[in-house]
N, C-alpha and C. Protein backbone atom coordinates (compact mmCIF):
# COMPACT_ATOMS: atom_id res chain seq x y z
N MET A 1 -43.87 -47.17 157.79
CA MET A 1 -42.98 -47.74 156.79
C MET A 1 -43.13 -47.03 155.44
N VAL A 2 -44.36 -46.68 155.11
CA VAL A 2 -44.62 -46.00 153.85
C VAL A 2 -43.92 -44.64 153.83
N PHE A 3 -43.93 -43.95 154.99
CA PHE A 3 -43.29 -42.64 155.06
C PHE A 3 -41.78 -42.75 154.91
N LYS A 4 -41.21 -43.82 155.41
CA LYS A 4 -39.76 -44.04 155.26
C LYS A 4 -39.40 -44.23 153.79
N VAL A 5 -40.21 -45.00 153.08
CA VAL A 5 -39.96 -45.24 151.66
C VAL A 5 -40.10 -43.94 150.87
N ILE A 6 -41.16 -43.19 151.17
CA ILE A 6 -41.38 -41.91 150.48
C ILE A 6 -40.23 -40.95 150.78
N GLY A 7 -39.81 -40.90 152.05
CA GLY A 7 -38.68 -40.05 152.43
C GLY A 7 -37.40 -40.46 151.75
N ALA A 8 -37.16 -41.76 151.68
CA ALA A 8 -35.95 -42.27 151.02
C ALA A 8 -35.93 -41.90 149.54
N VAL A 9 -37.08 -42.06 148.90
CA VAL A 9 -37.18 -41.71 147.48
C VAL A 9 -36.94 -40.21 147.28
N CYS A 10 -37.52 -39.39 148.16
CA CYS A 10 -37.34 -37.93 148.06
C CYS A 10 -35.87 -37.55 148.23
N ILE A 11 -35.19 -38.16 149.18
CA ILE A 11 -33.77 -37.87 149.42
C ILE A 11 -32.94 -38.26 148.20
N ILE A 12 -33.17 -39.45 147.68
CA ILE A 12 -32.39 -39.92 146.54
C ILE A 12 -32.65 -39.05 145.31
N VAL A 13 -33.90 -38.71 145.08
CA VAL A 13 -34.23 -37.86 143.94
C VAL A 13 -33.62 -36.47 144.10
N SER A 14 -33.65 -35.93 145.30
CA SER A 14 -33.10 -34.58 145.54
C SER A 14 -31.60 -34.54 145.33
N THR A 15 -30.88 -35.48 145.91
CA THR A 15 -29.43 -35.47 145.76
C THR A 15 -29.01 -35.78 144.32
N THR A 16 -29.78 -36.63 143.65
CA THR A 16 -29.50 -36.91 142.25
C THR A 16 -29.70 -35.65 141.41
N ALA A 17 -30.75 -34.90 141.70
CA ALA A 17 -31.00 -33.64 140.98
C ALA A 17 -29.88 -32.64 141.23
N ILE A 18 -29.37 -32.59 142.45
CA ILE A 18 -28.25 -31.68 142.75
C ILE A 18 -27.02 -32.10 141.94
N GLY A 19 -26.74 -33.38 141.89
CA GLY A 19 -25.60 -33.88 141.12
C GLY A 19 -25.72 -33.57 139.64
N PHE A 20 -26.90 -33.81 139.09
CA PHE A 20 -27.11 -33.52 137.68
C PHE A 20 -27.08 -32.02 137.42
N GLY A 21 -27.54 -31.22 138.38
CA GLY A 21 -27.48 -29.76 138.26
C GLY A 21 -26.04 -29.26 138.19
N GLN A 22 -25.18 -29.81 139.04
CA GLN A 22 -23.77 -29.43 139.01
C GLN A 22 -23.12 -29.85 137.68
N SER A 23 -23.50 -31.00 137.20
CA SER A 23 -22.99 -31.48 135.92
C SER A 23 -23.42 -30.55 134.79
N PHE A 24 -24.66 -30.13 134.81
CA PHE A 24 -25.19 -29.22 133.79
C PHE A 24 -24.51 -27.86 133.89
N HIS A 25 -24.22 -27.41 135.11
CA HIS A 25 -23.52 -26.14 135.32
C HIS A 25 -22.15 -26.17 134.63
N LEU A 26 -21.43 -27.27 134.77
CA LEU A 26 -20.13 -27.42 134.10
C LEU A 26 -20.27 -27.37 132.59
N HIS A 27 -21.28 -28.04 132.08
CA HIS A 27 -21.52 -28.04 130.63
C HIS A 27 -21.83 -26.62 130.14
N LEU A 28 -22.61 -25.87 130.90
CA LEU A 28 -22.93 -24.49 130.50
C LEU A 28 -21.69 -23.60 130.54
N ARG A 29 -20.83 -23.82 131.51
CA ARG A 29 -19.58 -23.04 131.57
C ARG A 29 -18.75 -23.31 130.31
N TYR A 30 -18.68 -24.55 129.90
CA TYR A 30 -17.94 -24.91 128.69
C TYR A 30 -18.50 -24.18 127.47
N ARG A 31 -19.82 -24.18 127.34
CA ARG A 31 -20.46 -23.50 126.21
C ARG A 31 -20.22 -21.99 126.26
N GLU A 32 -20.25 -21.41 127.46
CA GLU A 32 -20.02 -19.97 127.58
C GLU A 32 -18.57 -19.62 127.27
N LEU A 33 -17.63 -20.49 127.61
CA LEU A 33 -16.24 -20.25 127.24
C LEU A 33 -16.06 -20.29 125.72
N LEU A 34 -16.74 -21.20 125.06
CA LEU A 34 -16.71 -21.25 123.59
C LEU A 34 -17.26 -19.96 123.00
N GLU A 35 -18.39 -19.51 123.53
CA GLU A 35 -19.01 -18.26 123.06
C GLU A 35 -18.09 -17.07 123.31
N LEU A 36 -17.48 -17.03 124.47
CA LEU A 36 -16.57 -15.94 124.81
C LEU A 36 -15.38 -15.90 123.87
N LYS A 37 -14.83 -17.05 123.57
CA LYS A 37 -13.70 -17.11 122.63
C LYS A 37 -14.11 -16.58 121.27
N LYS A 38 -15.28 -16.99 120.81
CA LYS A 38 -15.78 -16.52 119.52
C LYS A 38 -15.96 -15.00 119.53
N LEU A 39 -16.51 -14.49 120.62
CA LEU A 39 -16.75 -13.05 120.71
C LEU A 39 -15.44 -12.26 120.78
N LEU A 40 -14.45 -12.80 121.44
CA LEU A 40 -13.16 -12.11 121.50
C LEU A 40 -12.51 -12.07 120.12
N HIS A 41 -12.67 -13.13 119.33
CA HIS A 41 -12.17 -13.11 117.95
C HIS A 41 -12.92 -12.06 117.14
N LEU A 42 -14.24 -11.98 117.32
CA LEU A 42 -15.02 -10.96 116.61
C LEU A 42 -14.61 -9.56 117.04
N LEU A 43 -14.38 -9.37 118.33
CA LEU A 43 -13.95 -8.06 118.84
C LEU A 43 -12.61 -7.68 118.22
N SER A 44 -11.71 -8.63 118.14
CA SER A 44 -10.42 -8.37 117.52
C SER A 44 -10.58 -7.96 116.06
N GLY A 45 -11.43 -8.66 115.35
CA GLY A 45 -11.68 -8.31 113.95
C GLY A 45 -12.31 -6.94 113.79
N GLU A 46 -13.24 -6.61 114.66
CA GLU A 46 -13.89 -5.30 114.60
C GLU A 46 -12.89 -4.18 114.88
N ILE A 47 -12.01 -4.40 115.83
CA ILE A 47 -11.01 -3.38 116.14
C ILE A 47 -9.99 -3.27 115.00
N ARG A 48 -9.61 -4.42 114.45
CA ARG A 48 -8.60 -4.42 113.39
C ARG A 48 -9.14 -3.82 112.09
N PHE A 49 -10.32 -4.24 111.67
CA PHE A 49 -10.80 -3.86 110.35
C PHE A 49 -11.94 -2.84 110.39
N GLY A 50 -12.65 -2.77 111.51
CA GLY A 50 -13.76 -1.83 111.59
C GLY A 50 -13.30 -0.40 111.71
N GLY A 51 -12.29 -0.19 112.52
CA GLY A 51 -11.74 1.15 112.65
C GLY A 51 -12.63 2.14 113.37
N GLY A 52 -13.79 1.69 113.83
CA GLY A 52 -14.70 2.58 114.53
C GLY A 52 -14.30 2.77 115.98
N ILE A 53 -15.06 3.60 116.63
CA ILE A 53 -14.80 3.79 118.06
C ILE A 53 -15.36 2.60 118.84
N LEU A 54 -14.87 2.41 120.06
CA LEU A 54 -15.25 1.24 120.84
C LEU A 54 -16.76 1.19 121.11
N GLU A 55 -17.36 2.34 121.28
CA GLU A 55 -18.81 2.38 121.52
C GLU A 55 -19.57 1.70 120.38
N GLU A 56 -19.19 2.03 119.14
CA GLU A 56 -19.84 1.42 117.98
C GLU A 56 -19.47 -0.07 117.88
N THR A 57 -18.23 -0.38 118.21
CA THR A 57 -17.78 -1.77 118.17
C THR A 57 -18.59 -2.63 119.13
N PHE A 58 -18.82 -2.12 120.35
CA PHE A 58 -19.59 -2.87 121.33
C PHE A 58 -21.04 -3.04 120.88
N GLU A 59 -21.56 -2.04 120.19
CA GLU A 59 -22.94 -2.15 119.69
C GLU A 59 -23.03 -3.25 118.62
N ILE A 60 -22.03 -3.32 117.76
CA ILE A 60 -21.99 -4.37 116.75
C ILE A 60 -21.86 -5.73 117.43
N MET A 61 -21.01 -5.80 118.45
CA MET A 61 -20.81 -7.05 119.18
C MET A 61 -22.11 -7.52 119.85
N ALA A 62 -22.90 -6.59 120.34
CA ALA A 62 -24.17 -6.95 120.98
C ALA A 62 -25.09 -7.63 119.98
N GLY A 63 -25.06 -7.18 118.74
CA GLY A 63 -25.90 -7.78 117.71
C GLY A 63 -25.47 -9.18 117.33
N ARG A 64 -24.23 -9.52 117.60
CA ARG A 64 -23.71 -10.83 117.21
C ARG A 64 -23.60 -11.79 118.38
N SER A 65 -24.07 -11.39 119.54
CA SER A 65 -23.86 -12.18 120.76
C SER A 65 -25.09 -12.98 121.16
N SER A 66 -24.85 -13.97 122.00
CA SER A 66 -25.93 -14.70 122.65
C SER A 66 -26.56 -13.76 123.68
N PRO A 67 -27.75 -14.08 124.18
CA PRO A 67 -28.42 -13.17 125.13
C PRO A 67 -27.57 -12.81 126.35
N LEU A 68 -26.79 -13.73 126.87
CA LEU A 68 -25.97 -13.44 128.04
C LEU A 68 -24.96 -12.33 127.73
N PHE A 69 -24.22 -12.48 126.67
CA PHE A 69 -23.20 -11.49 126.33
C PHE A 69 -23.79 -10.28 125.62
N ARG A 70 -24.97 -10.41 125.05
CA ARG A 70 -25.64 -9.26 124.44
C ARG A 70 -25.90 -8.20 125.51
N GLY A 71 -26.38 -8.63 126.66
CA GLY A 71 -26.61 -7.68 127.75
C GLY A 71 -25.33 -7.00 128.19
N PHE A 72 -24.24 -7.75 128.20
CA PHE A 72 -22.93 -7.21 128.57
C PHE A 72 -22.52 -6.09 127.61
N PHE A 73 -22.58 -6.37 126.31
CA PHE A 73 -22.15 -5.38 125.33
C PHE A 73 -23.13 -4.21 125.23
N LEU A 74 -24.43 -4.46 125.39
CA LEU A 74 -25.39 -3.35 125.40
C LEU A 74 -25.16 -2.44 126.59
N PHE A 75 -24.85 -3.02 127.74
CA PHE A 75 -24.54 -2.23 128.93
C PHE A 75 -23.33 -1.33 128.66
N LEU A 76 -22.29 -1.89 128.06
CA LEU A 76 -21.11 -1.09 127.72
C LEU A 76 -21.47 0.05 126.78
N THR A 77 -22.26 -0.26 125.76
CA THR A 77 -22.65 0.76 124.78
C THR A 77 -23.44 1.88 125.45
N GLU A 78 -24.44 1.52 126.24
CA GLU A 78 -25.29 2.52 126.88
C GLU A 78 -24.50 3.39 127.86
N GLU A 79 -23.62 2.77 128.64
CA GLU A 79 -22.84 3.53 129.61
C GLU A 79 -21.85 4.46 128.92
N MET A 80 -21.31 4.03 127.79
CA MET A 80 -20.37 4.89 127.07
C MET A 80 -21.10 6.05 126.38
N LYS A 81 -22.35 5.83 125.98
CA LYS A 81 -23.12 6.90 125.34
C LYS A 81 -23.49 8.00 126.32
N LYS A 82 -23.53 7.68 127.60
CA LYS A 82 -23.86 8.69 128.61
C LYS A 82 -22.80 9.77 128.70
N LYS A 83 -21.57 9.42 128.37
CA LYS A 83 -20.44 10.35 128.35
C LYS A 83 -20.32 11.13 129.66
N GLU A 84 -20.31 10.40 130.75
CA GLU A 84 -20.20 11.02 132.06
C GLU A 84 -18.75 11.12 132.53
N GLY A 85 -17.80 10.86 131.67
CA GLY A 85 -16.39 10.97 132.02
C GLY A 85 -15.84 9.76 132.75
N GLU A 86 -16.61 8.70 132.83
CA GLU A 86 -16.14 7.49 133.49
C GLU A 86 -15.20 6.73 132.55
N ARG A 87 -14.16 6.18 133.10
CA ARG A 87 -13.19 5.44 132.29
C ARG A 87 -13.80 4.13 131.82
N LEU A 88 -13.35 3.68 130.64
CA LEU A 88 -13.83 2.43 130.07
C LEU A 88 -13.54 1.27 131.01
N MET A 89 -12.40 1.31 131.67
CA MET A 89 -12.03 0.25 132.60
C MET A 89 -13.08 0.09 133.70
N ASP A 90 -13.56 1.21 134.23
CA ASP A 90 -14.57 1.15 135.30
C ASP A 90 -15.91 0.65 134.78
N ILE A 91 -16.28 1.12 133.60
CA ILE A 91 -17.54 0.66 132.98
C ILE A 91 -17.46 -0.83 132.70
N TRP A 92 -16.34 -1.27 132.16
CA TRP A 92 -16.13 -2.68 131.82
C TRP A 92 -16.23 -3.55 133.08
N ASN A 93 -15.56 -3.13 134.15
CA ASN A 93 -15.58 -3.91 135.39
C ASN A 93 -16.99 -4.00 135.96
N ARG A 94 -17.74 -2.89 135.90
CA ARG A 94 -19.14 -2.93 136.36
C ARG A 94 -19.96 -3.86 135.49
N ALA A 95 -19.71 -3.85 134.19
CA ALA A 95 -20.45 -4.73 133.27
C ALA A 95 -20.17 -6.20 133.60
N VAL A 96 -18.91 -6.52 133.90
CA VAL A 96 -18.57 -7.90 134.26
C VAL A 96 -19.30 -8.29 135.53
N GLU A 97 -19.30 -7.40 136.53
CA GLU A 97 -19.96 -7.70 137.80
C GLU A 97 -21.47 -7.81 137.67
N GLU A 98 -22.08 -6.85 136.98
CA GLU A 98 -23.54 -6.78 136.94
C GLU A 98 -24.16 -7.66 135.86
N GLN A 99 -23.59 -7.65 134.67
CA GLN A 99 -24.22 -8.33 133.55
C GLN A 99 -23.85 -9.81 133.46
N LEU A 100 -22.73 -10.19 134.04
CA LEU A 100 -22.30 -11.58 133.95
C LEU A 100 -22.43 -12.31 135.29
N LYS A 101 -23.21 -11.73 136.21
CA LYS A 101 -23.35 -12.39 137.52
C LYS A 101 -24.13 -13.69 137.41
N ASN A 102 -24.99 -13.84 136.40
CA ASN A 102 -25.75 -15.08 136.21
C ASN A 102 -25.06 -16.04 135.26
N ALA A 103 -23.88 -15.66 134.81
CA ALA A 103 -23.13 -16.54 133.91
C ALA A 103 -22.56 -17.71 134.70
N HIS A 104 -22.25 -18.75 134.01
CA HIS A 104 -21.68 -19.94 134.64
C HIS A 104 -20.15 -19.90 134.62
N LEU A 105 -19.60 -18.75 134.23
CA LEU A 105 -18.16 -18.58 134.24
C LEU A 105 -17.68 -18.52 135.69
N ASN A 106 -16.51 -19.08 135.95
CA ASN A 106 -15.99 -19.02 137.31
C ASN A 106 -15.19 -17.73 137.50
N SER A 107 -14.66 -17.52 138.68
CA SER A 107 -13.97 -16.26 138.98
C SER A 107 -12.71 -16.08 138.13
N MET A 108 -12.04 -17.17 137.79
CA MET A 108 -10.84 -17.06 136.94
C MET A 108 -11.22 -16.60 135.53
N ASP A 109 -12.35 -17.10 135.02
CA ASP A 109 -12.81 -16.69 133.69
C ASP A 109 -13.16 -15.21 133.69
N LYS A 110 -13.84 -14.77 134.73
CA LYS A 110 -14.21 -13.36 134.82
C LYS A 110 -12.98 -12.47 135.01
N GLU A 111 -11.97 -13.00 135.68
CA GLU A 111 -10.73 -12.25 135.87
C GLU A 111 -10.04 -11.99 134.53
N ILE A 112 -10.13 -12.94 133.62
CA ILE A 112 -9.58 -12.74 132.27
C ILE A 112 -10.26 -11.55 131.62
N LEU A 113 -11.58 -11.49 131.76
CA LEU A 113 -12.32 -10.37 131.18
C LEU A 113 -11.97 -9.05 131.85
N VAL A 114 -11.81 -9.07 133.16
CA VAL A 114 -11.46 -7.83 133.89
C VAL A 114 -10.10 -7.32 133.42
N ARG A 115 -9.13 -8.22 133.29
CA ARG A 115 -7.80 -7.80 132.83
C ARG A 115 -7.87 -7.24 131.41
N LEU A 116 -8.70 -7.85 130.57
CA LEU A 116 -8.88 -7.33 129.21
C LEU A 116 -9.46 -5.92 129.25
N GLY A 117 -10.47 -5.73 130.06
CA GLY A 117 -11.11 -4.42 130.16
C GLY A 117 -10.18 -3.35 130.70
N ASN A 118 -9.22 -3.74 131.52
CA ASN A 118 -8.27 -2.78 132.05
C ASN A 118 -7.32 -2.25 130.98
N GLU A 119 -7.19 -2.99 129.88
CA GLU A 119 -6.26 -2.59 128.82
C GLU A 119 -6.96 -1.97 127.62
N LEU A 120 -8.21 -2.28 127.41
CA LEU A 120 -8.92 -1.75 126.23
C LEU A 120 -9.12 -0.25 126.35
N GLY A 121 -9.04 0.42 125.24
CA GLY A 121 -9.36 1.84 125.20
C GLY A 121 -8.23 2.76 125.57
N CYS A 122 -7.22 2.27 126.27
CA CYS A 122 -6.12 3.17 126.68
C CYS A 122 -4.87 2.97 125.86
N LEU A 123 -4.87 2.03 124.99
CA LEU A 123 -3.66 1.70 124.25
C LEU A 123 -3.91 1.86 122.75
N ASP A 124 -2.83 1.80 121.99
CA ASP A 124 -2.98 1.88 120.54
C ASP A 124 -3.62 0.60 120.02
N ARG A 125 -4.01 0.61 118.78
CA ARG A 125 -4.75 -0.50 118.18
C ARG A 125 -3.98 -1.82 118.25
N GLU A 126 -2.71 -1.80 117.91
CA GLU A 126 -1.92 -3.04 117.90
C GLU A 126 -1.80 -3.65 119.30
N THR A 127 -1.60 -2.80 120.29
CA THR A 127 -1.49 -3.30 121.66
C THR A 127 -2.82 -3.87 122.12
N GLN A 128 -3.91 -3.22 121.74
CA GLN A 128 -5.24 -3.75 122.08
C GLN A 128 -5.45 -5.12 121.44
N LEU A 129 -5.00 -5.26 120.20
CA LEU A 129 -5.15 -6.54 119.51
C LEU A 129 -4.31 -7.63 120.18
N HIS A 130 -3.12 -7.27 120.64
CA HIS A 130 -2.29 -8.24 121.35
C HIS A 130 -2.93 -8.62 122.69
N THR A 131 -3.54 -7.64 123.35
CA THR A 131 -4.21 -7.91 124.62
C THR A 131 -5.40 -8.84 124.41
N ILE A 132 -6.16 -8.62 123.36
CA ILE A 132 -7.29 -9.49 123.04
C ILE A 132 -6.78 -10.89 122.69
N ALA A 133 -5.68 -10.97 121.94
CA ALA A 133 -5.11 -12.27 121.58
C ALA A 133 -4.68 -13.03 122.84
N LEU A 134 -4.12 -12.32 123.81
CA LEU A 134 -3.74 -12.96 125.07
C LEU A 134 -4.98 -13.47 125.81
N ALA A 135 -6.05 -12.67 125.82
CA ALA A 135 -7.30 -13.09 126.46
C ALA A 135 -7.88 -14.31 125.76
N VAL A 136 -7.82 -14.33 124.44
CA VAL A 136 -8.31 -15.49 123.67
C VAL A 136 -7.51 -16.73 124.06
N GLU A 137 -6.21 -16.57 124.18
CA GLU A 137 -5.35 -17.70 124.55
C GLU A 137 -5.69 -18.20 125.96
N GLN A 138 -5.93 -17.29 126.88
CA GLN A 138 -6.28 -17.69 128.25
C GLN A 138 -7.63 -18.38 128.30
N VAL A 139 -8.59 -17.87 127.55
CA VAL A 139 -9.92 -18.50 127.49
C VAL A 139 -9.80 -19.88 126.86
N GLU A 140 -8.99 -19.99 125.82
CA GLU A 140 -8.80 -21.30 125.17
C GLU A 140 -8.12 -22.28 126.12
N ASP A 141 -7.17 -21.81 126.91
CA ASP A 141 -6.54 -22.69 127.90
C ASP A 141 -7.56 -23.20 128.91
N ALA A 142 -8.41 -22.29 129.41
CA ALA A 142 -9.44 -22.69 130.37
C ALA A 142 -10.43 -23.65 129.73
N ARG A 143 -10.80 -23.38 128.48
CA ARG A 143 -11.74 -24.23 127.77
C ARG A 143 -11.16 -25.61 127.53
N SER A 144 -9.90 -25.68 127.07
CA SER A 144 -9.31 -26.98 126.78
C SER A 144 -9.08 -27.78 128.07
N GLU A 145 -8.74 -27.11 129.15
CA GLU A 145 -8.60 -27.80 130.43
C GLU A 145 -9.94 -28.37 130.87
N LEU A 146 -10.99 -27.56 130.75
CA LEU A 146 -12.33 -28.04 131.11
C LEU A 146 -12.78 -29.15 130.18
N HIS A 147 -12.44 -29.04 128.90
CA HIS A 147 -12.84 -30.07 127.93
C HIS A 147 -12.24 -31.43 128.29
N GLY A 148 -11.01 -31.42 128.76
CA GLY A 148 -10.37 -32.67 129.16
C GLY A 148 -11.01 -33.30 130.39
N GLU A 149 -11.48 -32.45 131.29
CA GLU A 149 -12.07 -32.93 132.54
C GLU A 149 -13.57 -33.13 132.46
N LEU A 150 -14.20 -32.51 131.49
CA LEU A 150 -15.67 -32.45 131.46
C LEU A 150 -16.35 -33.81 131.56
N PRO A 151 -16.04 -34.77 130.72
CA PRO A 151 -16.76 -36.05 130.82
C PRO A 151 -16.59 -36.72 132.19
N LYS A 152 -15.35 -36.67 132.70
CA LYS A 152 -15.09 -37.31 134.00
C LYS A 152 -15.83 -36.59 135.13
N LYS A 153 -15.77 -35.26 135.11
CA LYS A 153 -16.42 -34.50 136.19
C LYS A 153 -17.94 -34.60 136.12
N MET A 154 -18.48 -34.58 134.91
CA MET A 154 -19.94 -34.71 134.78
C MET A 154 -20.39 -36.06 135.31
N ARG A 155 -19.67 -37.10 134.95
CA ARG A 155 -20.03 -38.44 135.43
C ARG A 155 -19.86 -38.52 136.95
N LEU A 156 -18.80 -37.91 137.45
CA LEU A 156 -18.55 -37.90 138.89
C LEU A 156 -19.69 -37.21 139.64
N TYR A 157 -20.10 -36.03 139.16
CA TYR A 157 -21.20 -35.32 139.82
C TYR A 157 -22.49 -36.13 139.78
N ASN A 158 -22.77 -36.74 138.64
CA ASN A 158 -23.98 -37.55 138.53
C ASN A 158 -23.95 -38.72 139.52
N CYS A 159 -22.83 -39.43 139.54
CA CYS A 159 -22.72 -40.59 140.45
C CYS A 159 -22.72 -40.16 141.91
N LEU A 160 -22.03 -39.08 142.23
CA LEU A 160 -22.01 -38.61 143.61
C LEU A 160 -23.40 -38.20 144.09
N GLY A 161 -24.17 -37.61 143.21
CA GLY A 161 -25.54 -37.24 143.59
C GLY A 161 -26.35 -38.46 143.97
N ILE A 162 -26.27 -39.48 143.15
CA ILE A 162 -27.03 -40.71 143.42
C ILE A 162 -26.52 -41.39 144.68
N LEU A 163 -25.19 -41.54 144.77
CA LEU A 163 -24.61 -42.24 145.92
C LEU A 163 -24.81 -41.49 147.23
N ALA A 164 -24.78 -40.17 147.18
CA ALA A 164 -25.03 -39.39 148.40
C ALA A 164 -26.46 -39.63 148.89
N GLY A 165 -27.40 -39.69 147.97
CA GLY A 165 -28.78 -39.97 148.34
C GLY A 165 -28.93 -41.35 148.97
N VAL A 166 -28.28 -42.33 148.37
CA VAL A 166 -28.34 -43.69 148.91
C VAL A 166 -27.69 -43.73 150.29
N PHE A 167 -26.54 -43.07 150.44
CA PHE A 167 -25.83 -43.06 151.72
C PHE A 167 -26.67 -42.39 152.82
N ILE A 168 -27.24 -41.25 152.51
CA ILE A 168 -28.08 -40.55 153.51
C ILE A 168 -29.28 -41.39 153.88
N THR A 169 -29.86 -42.05 152.87
CA THR A 169 -31.02 -42.92 153.14
C THR A 169 -30.63 -44.06 154.05
N ILE A 170 -29.49 -44.68 153.82
CA ILE A 170 -29.05 -45.79 154.66
C ILE A 170 -28.82 -45.31 156.10
N LEU A 171 -28.21 -44.12 156.23
CA LEU A 171 -27.97 -43.56 157.56
C LEU A 171 -29.26 -43.30 158.33
N LEU A 172 -30.26 -42.80 157.60
CA LEU A 172 -31.50 -42.42 158.27
C LEU A 172 -32.43 -43.62 158.53
N VAL A 173 -32.30 -44.66 157.76
CA VAL A 173 -33.17 -45.83 157.92
C VAL A 173 -32.49 -46.80 158.83
């Protein structure tokens, strides 16, 4: 009987932790979308008023970023300094894949970044600024959609974790 109680407690605690983990994952995605929006505004400002080359712009962006995006921009800077003839689009796509793999952004969020990277560096300054503005708008749409759902989904994940544990315990006992 003691083992059944210990097992039941372990199941409930485990499923509750999974539910709270999913809830926390959503919250982190929301924070990363806010950070991404801020960084895209900074990138737009650097391109508009900095007038430097993208390599220098990315280095400046790395200094202003959180650790997650700092690695992304440092990767871009280092790869561009190698001057191996690789296109910015390819470097950008590799940076999204390699440097943001631990991010809590979903595939749609990363797709926004990939589309942005496909346009940067090959167009004139005004077109680049319009492309960044479009990316900012898309990130803001994703963020506002998540913001509307966030409290409900977080509560849902928390409750589902607890209830799943109770349900599994009832089934096994």
